[in-house]
Protein backbone atom coordinates (compact mmCIF):
# COMPACT_ATOMS: atom_id res chain seq x y z
CA MET A 1 77.42 71.34 -2.10
CA SER A 2 74.08 69.88 -2.98
CA ASP A 3 71.17 71.37 -4.92
CA ASP A 4 68.47 73.34 -2.98
CA LEU A 5 65.42 71.49 -3.97
CA SER A 6 63.12 74.27 -2.49
CA LYS A 7 64.24 76.46 -5.42
CA ARG A 8 62.45 75.41 -8.56
CA ARG A 9 64.26 77.26 -11.27
CA PRO A 10 67.19 76.05 -13.35
CA GLN A 11 70.63 76.30 -11.88
CA ASP A 12 72.00 76.90 -15.49
CA ALA A 13 69.54 79.36 -17.05
CA THR A 14 71.08 78.98 -20.43
CA LYS A 15 69.94 75.26 -20.90
CA ILE A 16 66.71 73.46 -20.92
CA ASN A 17 66.54 69.88 -19.48
CA VAL A 18 63.37 68.31 -20.75
CA ASN A 19 64.16 65.23 -18.78
CA GLU A 20 63.40 66.93 -15.50
CA ALA A 21 59.59 67.17 -14.98
CA TRP A 22 59.87 70.29 -12.87
CA GLU A 23 62.22 71.98 -15.44
CA LEU A 24 59.89 70.97 -18.28
CA ASP A 25 57.03 72.53 -16.31
CA TYR A 26 59.22 75.69 -15.58
CA TRP A 27 60.29 76.29 -19.00
CA SER A 28 56.89 75.64 -20.77
CA LYS A 29 55.19 78.12 -18.30
CA GLU A 30 58.10 80.53 -18.85
CA LEU A 31 57.93 80.39 -22.57
CA GLY A 32 54.18 80.17 -22.91
CA VAL A 33 54.24 76.96 -24.86
CA THR A 34 52.96 73.37 -24.26
CA LYS A 35 55.31 70.68 -22.86
CA ASP A 36 55.13 68.93 -26.23
CA ARG A 37 55.96 72.07 -28.27
CA LEU A 38 58.95 72.74 -25.91
CA LYS A 39 60.19 69.12 -26.42
CA GLU A 40 59.73 69.51 -30.20
CA ALA A 41 61.86 72.76 -30.00
CA VAL A 42 64.62 71.21 -27.99
CA LYS A 43 64.77 68.25 -30.35
CA ALA A 44 64.99 70.60 -33.30
CA VAL A 45 67.58 73.09 -32.07
CA GLY A 46 69.11 71.62 -28.85
CA THR A 47 68.95 72.79 -25.27
CA SER A 48 70.11 76.39 -25.56
CA VAL A 49 67.43 78.60 -24.15
CA SER A 50 68.10 81.41 -26.77
CA ALA A 51 68.01 78.81 -29.70
CA VAL A 52 64.76 77.47 -28.40
CA LYS A 53 63.32 81.04 -28.04
CA ARG A 54 64.33 81.80 -31.65
CA TYR A 55 62.78 78.59 -32.86
CA LEU A 56 59.60 79.48 -31.15
CA GLY A 57 59.61 83.01 -32.33
CA LYS A 58 60.08 84.56 -28.83
């Protein structure tokens, strides 16, 4: 089964992949932070959405 590229939201909503431009756009908008801030958070705490939210104070 291939990915449905018309849907632009993560298949795994528990992880953030900052190496995919559209996913970086999605999560930065979703979390209300810049792309650089999101990359910083992922670098600091890993790809877990809950860990990134905690790091960002969300």
